[in-house]
Amino acid sequence: MVKINYGFEKRRKEMEKKRKKEEKKKAKAEGKPSGDYDIVENPDAVVETPEDSTETPPAAQ
């Protein structure tokens, strides 16, 4: 039976956390927004919201 190396898994997780923390710190220093969302390529584009639409929703039956 294979013995699980818990120390290796713990170290791997710690290194991943450290890497992510450093990436956030670097991004913050560069002035980039945080988060996992996409940056809009065309900020002047018009986005239609339900309040803006002229189409009325179908009536409930």
PDB file of N, CA and C in Angstrom:
ATOM      1  N   MET A   1       0.836  -1.178   0.000  1.00  0.00           N
ATOM      2  CA  MET A   1       0.000   0.000   0.000  1.00  0.00           C
ATOM      3  C   MET A   1       0.889   1.253   0.000  1.00  0.00           C
ATOM      4  N   VAL A   2       0.456   2.271  -0.762  1.00  0.00           N
ATOM      5  CA  VAL A   2       1.238   3.498  -0.892  1.00  0.00           C
ATOM      6  C   VAL A   2       0.971   4.429   0.289  1.00  0.00           C
ATOM      7  N   LYS A   3       2.057   4.970   0.840  1.00  0.00           N
ATOM      8  CA  LYS A   3       1.938   5.898   1.954  1.00  0.00           C
ATOM      9  C   LYS A   3       1.813   7.321   1.405  1.00  0.00           C
ATOM     10  N   ILE A   4       0.809   8.058   1.854  1.00  0.00           N
ATOM     11  CA  ILE A   4       0.576   9.426   1.397  1.00  0.00           C
ATOM     12  C   ILE A   4       1.576  10.362   2.063  1.00  0.00           C
ATOM     13  N   ASN A   5       2.184  11.213   1.271  1.00  0.00           N
ATOM     14  CA  ASN A   5       3.162  12.163   1.776  1.00  0.00           C
ATOM     15  C   ASN A   5       2.458  13.484   2.088  1.00  0.00           C
ATOM     16  N   TYR A   6       1.946  13.612   3.299  1.00  0.00           N
ATOM     17  CA  TYR A   6       1.205  14.799   3.702  1.00  0.00           C
ATOM     18  C   TYR A   6       2.090  16.043   3.745  1.00  0.00           C
ATOM     19  N   GLY A   7       3.340  15.862   4.098  1.00  0.00           N
ATOM     20  CA  GLY A   7       4.274  16.990   4.154  1.00  0.00           C
ATOM     21  C   GLY A   7       4.455  17.632   2.789  1.00  0.00           C
ATOM     22  N   PHE A   8       4.535  16.818   1.754  1.00  0.00           N
ATOM     23  CA  PHE A   8       4.686  17.340   0.394  1.00  0.00           C
ATOM     24  C   PHE A   8       3.450  18.139  -0.013  1.00  0.00           C
ATOM     25  N   GLU A   9       2.258  17.595   0.263  1.00  0.00           N
ATOM     26  CA  GLU A   9       1.008  18.291  -0.084  1.00  0.00           C
ATOM     27  C   GLU A   9       0.898  19.622   0.648  1.00  0.00           C
ATOM     28  N   LYS A  10       1.262  19.628   1.919  1.00  0.00           N
ATOM     29  CA  LYS A  10       1.208  20.863   2.705  1.00  0.00           C
ATOM     30  C   LYS A  10       2.168  21.894   2.133  1.00  0.00           C
ATOM     31  N   ARG A  11       3.365  21.481   1.807  1.00  0.00           N
ATOM     32  CA  ARG A  11       4.369  22.401   1.247  1.00  0.00           C
ATOM     33  C   ARG A  11       3.905  22.944  -0.097  1.00  0.00           C
ATOM     34  N   ARG A  12       3.299  22.085  -0.924  1.00  0.00           N
ATOM     35  CA  ARG A  12       2.815  22.510  -2.237  1.00  0.00           C
ATOM     36  C   ARG A  12       1.730  23.575  -2.090  1.00  0.00           C
ATOM     37  N   LYS A  13       0.809  23.367  -1.146  1.00  0.00           N
ATOM     38  CA  LYS A  13      -0.258  24.339  -0.902  1.00  0.00           C
ATOM     39  C   LYS A  13       0.308  25.659  -0.394  1.00  0.00           C
ATOM     40  N   GLU A  14       1.289  25.582   0.498  1.00  0.00           N
ATOM     41  CA  GLU A  14       1.913  26.798   1.029  1.00  0.00           C
ATOM     42  C   GLU A  14       2.607  27.585  -0.085  1.00  0.00           C
ATOM     43  N   MET A  15       3.284  26.874  -0.975  1.00  0.00           N
ATOM     44  CA  MET A  15       3.977  27.541  -2.081  1.00  0.00           C
ATOM     45  C   MET A  15       2.977  28.198  -3.031  1.00  0.00           C
ATOM     46  N   GLU A  16       1.840  27.543  -3.269  1.00  0.00           N
ATOM     47  CA  GLU A  16       0.794  28.097  -4.132  1.00  0.00           C
ATOM     48  C   GLU A  16       0.215  29.370  -3.514  1.00  0.00           C
ATOM     49  N   LYS A  17      -0.046  29.353  -2.211  1.00  0.00           N
ATOM     50  CA  LYS A  17      -0.561  30.536  -1.520  1.00  0.00           C
ATOM     51  C   LYS A  17       0.442  31.681  -1.617  1.00  0.00           C
ATOM     52  N   LYS A  18       1.719  31.376  -1.422  1.00  0.00           N
ATOM     53  CA  LYS A  18       2.759  32.393  -1.476  1.00  0.00           C
ATOM     54  C   LYS A  18       2.853  32.992  -2.873  1.00  0.00           C
ATOM     55  N   ARG A  19       2.749  32.151  -3.900  1.00  0.00           N
ATOM     56  CA  ARG A  19       2.814  32.621  -5.281  1.00  0.00           C
ATOM     57  C   ARG A  19       1.648  33.561  -5.587  1.00  0.00           C
ATOM     58  N   LYS A  20       0.447  33.175  -5.174  1.00  0.00           N
ATOM     59  CA  LYS A  20      -0.736  34.001  -5.410  1.00  0.00           C
ATOM     60  C   LYS A  20      -0.627  35.340  -4.681  1.00  0.00           C
ATOM     61  N   LYS A  21      -0.125  35.304  -3.454  1.00  0.00           N
ATOM     62  CA  LYS A  21       0.033  36.523  -2.671  1.00  0.00           C
ATOM     63  C   LYS A  21       1.018  37.467  -3.351  1.00  0.00           C
ATOM     64  N   GLU A  22       2.109  36.922  -3.872  1.00  0.00           N
ATOM     65  CA  GLU A  22       3.101  37.742  -4.571  1.00  0.00           C
ATOM     66  C   GLU A  22       2.532  38.320  -5.862  1.00  0.00           C
ATOM     67  N   GLU A  23       1.722  37.533  -6.576  1.00  0.00           N
ATOM     68  CA  GLU A  23       1.092  38.032  -7.806  1.00  0.00           C
ATOM     69  C   GLU A  23       0.146  39.192  -7.501  1.00  0.00           C
ATOM     70  N   LYS A  24      -0.634  39.068  -6.431  1.00  0.00           N
ATOM     71  CA  LYS A  24      -1.540  40.137  -6.033  1.00  0.00           C
ATOM     72  C   LYS A  24      -0.761  41.398  -5.674  1.00  0.00           C
ATOM     73  N   LYS A  25       0.322  41.214  -4.924  1.00  0.00           N
ATOM     74  CA  LYS A  25       1.146  42.354  -4.512  1.00  0.00           C
ATOM     75  C   LYS A  25       1.743  43.042  -5.732  1.00  0.00           C
ATOM     76  N   LYS A  26       2.211  42.265  -6.692  1.00  0.00           N
ATOM     77  CA  LYS A  26       2.800  42.812  -7.915  1.00  0.00           C
ATOM     78  C   LYS A  26       1.744  43.554  -8.738  1.00  0.00           C
ATOM     79  N   ALA A  27       0.554  42.963  -8.866  1.00  0.00           N
ATOM     80  CA  ALA A  27      -0.524  43.590  -9.629  1.00  0.00           C
ATOM     81  C   ALA A  27      -0.954  44.893  -8.970  1.00  0.00           C
ATOM     82  N   LYS A  28      -1.015  44.903  -7.657  1.00  0.00           N
ATOM     83  CA  LYS A  28      -1.408  46.107  -6.929  1.00  0.00           C
ATOM     84  C   LYS A  28      -0.371  47.208  -7.128  1.00  0.00           C
ATOM     85  N   ALA A  29       0.892  46.839  -7.140  1.00  0.00           N
ATOM     86  CA  ALA A  29       1.962  47.815  -7.350  1.00  0.00           C
ATOM     87  C   ALA A  29       1.909  48.396  -8.757  1.00  0.00           C
ATOM     88  N   GLU A  30       1.457  47.596  -9.721  1.00  0.00           N
ATOM     89  CA  GLU A  30       1.347  48.059 -11.099  1.00  0.00           C
ATOM     90  C   GLU A  30       0.054  48.827 -11.337  1.00  0.00           C
ATOM     91  N   GLY A  31      -0.851  48.814 -10.365  1.00  0.00           N
ATOM     92  CA  GLY A  31      -2.103  49.547 -10.491  1.00  0.00           C
ATOM     93  C   GLY A  31      -3.185  48.793 -11.220  1.00  0.00           C
ATOM     94  N   LYS A  32      -3.036  47.499 -11.340  1.00  0.00           N
ATOM     95  CA  LYS A  32      -4.055  46.694 -12.007  1.00  0.00           C
ATOM     96  C   LYS A  32      -5.172  46.375 -11.023  1.00  0.00           C
ATOM     97  N   PRO A  33      -6.428  46.265 -11.513  1.00  0.00           N
ATOM     98  CA  PRO A  33      -7.524  45.900 -10.622  1.00  0.00           C
ATOM     99  C   PRO A  33      -7.401  44.449 -10.179  1.00  0.00           C
ATOM    100  N   SER A  34      -7.861  44.168  -8.985  1.00  0.00           N
ATOM    101  CA  SER A  34      -7.812  42.792  -8.502  1.00  0.00           C
ATOM    102  C   SER A  34      -9.069  42.060  -8.910  1.00  0.00           C
ATOM    103  N   GLY A  35      -9.022  40.744  -8.885  1.00  0.00           N
ATOM    104  CA  GLY A  35     -10.184  39.942  -9.234  1.00  0.00           C
ATOM    105  C   GLY A  35      -9.918  39.083 -10.446  1.00  0.00           C
ATOM    106  N   ASP A  36     -10.821  38.163 -10.703  1.00  0.00           N
ATOM    107  CA  ASP A  36     -10.681  37.235 -11.813  1.00  0.00           C
ATOM    108  C   ASP A  36     -11.628  37.561 -12.955  1.00  0.00           C
ATOM    109  N   TYR A  37     -11.997  38.818 -13.083  1.00  0.00           N
ATOM    110  CA  TYR A  37     -12.903  39.187 -14.159  1.00  0.00           C
ATOM    111  C   TYR A  37     -12.116  39.704 -15.359  1.00  0.00           C
ATOM    112  N   ASP A  38     -12.750  39.642 -16.531  1.00  0.00           N
ATOM    113  CA  ASP A  38     -12.107  40.097 -17.754  1.00  0.00           C
ATOM    114  C   ASP A  38     -12.206  41.609 -17.868  1.00  0.00           C
ATOM    115  N   ILE A  39     -11.188  42.204 -18.419  1.00  0.00           N
ATOM    116  CA  ILE A  39     -11.199  43.642 -18.659  1.00  0.00           C
ATOM    117  C   ILE A  39     -11.924  43.880 -19.974  1.00  0.00           C
ATOM    118  N   VAL A  40     -12.800  44.859 -19.986  1.00  0.00           N
ATOM    119  CA  VAL A  40     -13.581  45.170 -21.176  1.00  0.00           C
ATOM    120  C   VAL A  40     -12.653  45.753 -22.231  1.00  0.00           C
ATOM    121  N   GLU A  41     -12.727  45.178 -23.446  1.00  0.00           N
ATOM    122  CA  GLU A  41     -11.861  45.648 -24.523  1.00  0.00           C
ATOM    123  C   GLU A  41     -12.322  46.997 -25.066  1.00  0.00           C
ATOM    124  N   ASN A  42     -13.636  47.209 -25.126  1.00  0.00           N
ATOM    125  CA  ASN A  42     -14.174  48.445 -25.663  1.00  0.00           C
ATOM    126  C   ASN A  42     -15.012  49.109 -24.574  1.00  0.00           C
ATOM    127  N   PRO A  43     -14.426  50.011 -23.789  1.00  0.00           N
ATOM    128  CA  PRO A  43     -15.177  50.623 -22.692  1.00  0.00           C
ATOM    129  C   PRO A  43     -16.285  51.567 -23.162  1.00  0.00           C
ATOM    130  N   ASP A  44     -16.261  51.993 -24.430  1.00  0.00           N
ATOM    131  CA  ASP A  44     -17.287  52.887 -24.962  1.00  0.00           C
ATOM    132  C   ASP A  44     -18.504  52.137 -25.482  1.00  0.00           C
ATOM    133  N   ALA A  45     -18.461  50.824 -25.461  1.00  0.00           N
ATOM    134  CA  ALA A  45     -19.563  50.024 -25.982  1.00  0.00           C
ATOM    135  C   ALA A  45     -20.795  50.204 -25.092  1.00  0.00           C
ATOM    136  N   VAL A  46     -21.958  50.222 -25.705  1.00  0.00           N
ATOM    137  CA  VAL A  46     -23.207  50.379 -24.973  1.00  0.00           C
ATOM    138  C   VAL A  46     -23.717  48.998 -24.581  1.00  0.00           C
ATOM    139  N   VAL A  47     -23.989  48.838 -23.308  1.00  0.00           N
ATOM    140  CA  VAL A  47     -24.510  47.583 -22.800  1.00  0.00           C
ATOM    141  C   VAL A  47     -25.974  47.806 -22.468  1.00  0.00           C
ATOM    142  N   GLU A  48     -26.838  46.997 -23.080  1.00  0.00           N
ATOM    143  CA  GLU A  48     -28.272  47.154 -22.862  1.00  0.00           C
ATOM    144  C   GLU A  48     -28.677  46.447 -21.579  1.00  0.00           C
ATOM    145  N   THR A  49     -29.353  47.172 -20.711  1.00  0.00           N
ATOM    146  CA  THR A  49     -29.850  46.608 -19.464  1.00  0.00           C
ATOM    147  C   THR A  49     -31.359  46.456 -19.585  1.00  0.00           C
ATOM    148  N   PRO A  50     -31.979  45.676 -18.735  1.00  0.00           N
ATOM    149  CA  PRO A  50     -33.439  45.497 -18.826  1.00  0.00           C
ATOM    150  C   PRO A  50     -34.220  46.807 -18.748  1.00  0.00           C
ATOM    151  N   GLU A  51     -33.718  47.789 -17.992  1.00  0.00           N
ATOM    152  CA  GLU A  51     -34.420  49.074 -17.895  1.00  0.00           C
ATOM    153  C   GLU A  51     -34.347  49.845 -19.208  1.00  0.00           C
ATOM    154  N   ASP A  52     -33.268  49.654 -19.966  1.00  0.00           N
ATOM    155  CA  ASP A  52     -33.056  50.390 -21.211  1.00  0.00           C
ATOM    156  C   ASP A  52     -33.808  49.781 -22.389  1.00  0.00           C
ATOM    157  N   SER A  53     -34.170  48.538 -22.301  1.00  0.00           N
ATOM    158  CA  SER A  53     -34.760  47.887 -23.465  1.00  0.00           C
ATOM    159  C   SER A  53     -36.169  48.422 -23.715  1.00  0.00           C
ATOM    160  N   THR A  54     -36.536  48.520 -24.982  1.00  0.00           N
ATOM    161  CA  THR A  54     -37.862  48.996 -25.353  1.00  0.00           C
ATOM    162  C   THR A  54     -38.826  47.838 -25.520  1.00  0.00           C
ATOM    163  N   GLU A  55     -38.317  46.658 -25.485  1.00  0.00           N
ATOM    164  CA  GLU A  55     -39.138  45.462 -25.644  1.00  0.00           C
ATOM    165  C   GLU A  55     -39.825  45.142 -24.318  1.00  0.00           C
ATOM    166  N   THR A  56     -41.114  44.852 -24.372  1.00  0.00           N
ATOM    167  CA  THR A  56     -41.845  44.530 -23.147  1.00  0.00           C
ATOM    168  C   THR A  56     -41.832  43.012 -22.958  1.00  0.00           C
ATOM    169  N   PRO A  57     -41.766  42.568 -21.725  1.00  0.00           N
ATOM    170  CA  PRO A  57     -41.761  41.121 -21.488  1.00  0.00           C
ATOM    171  C   PRO A  57     -43.130  40.519 -21.788  1.00  0.00           C
ATOM    172  N   PRO A  58     -43.172  39.251 -22.164  1.00  0.00           N
ATOM    173  CA  PRO A  58     -44.456  38.610 -22.458  1.00  0.00           C
ATOM    174  C   PRO A  58     -45.329  38.542 -21.208  1.00  0.00           C
ATOM    175  N   ALA A  59     -46.617  38.681 -21.392  1.00  0.00           N
ATOM    176  CA  ALA A  59     -47.557  38.638 -20.264  1.00  0.00           C
ATOM    177  C   ALA A  59     -47.667  37.213 -19.731  1.00  0.00           C
ATOM    178  N   ALA A  60     -47.834  37.114 -18.429  1.00  0.00           N
ATOM    179  CA  ALA A  60     -47.985  35.793 -17.796  1.00  0.00           C
ATOM    180  C   ALA A  60     -49.376  35.244 -18.112  1.00  0.00           C
ATOM    181  N   GLN A  61     -49.448  33.976 -18.364  1.00  0.00           N
ATOM    182  CA  GLN A  61     -50.739  33.372 -18.694  1.00  0.00           C
ATOM    183  C   GLN A  61     -51.308  32.641 -17.529  1.00  0.00           C
TER     184      GLN A  61
END
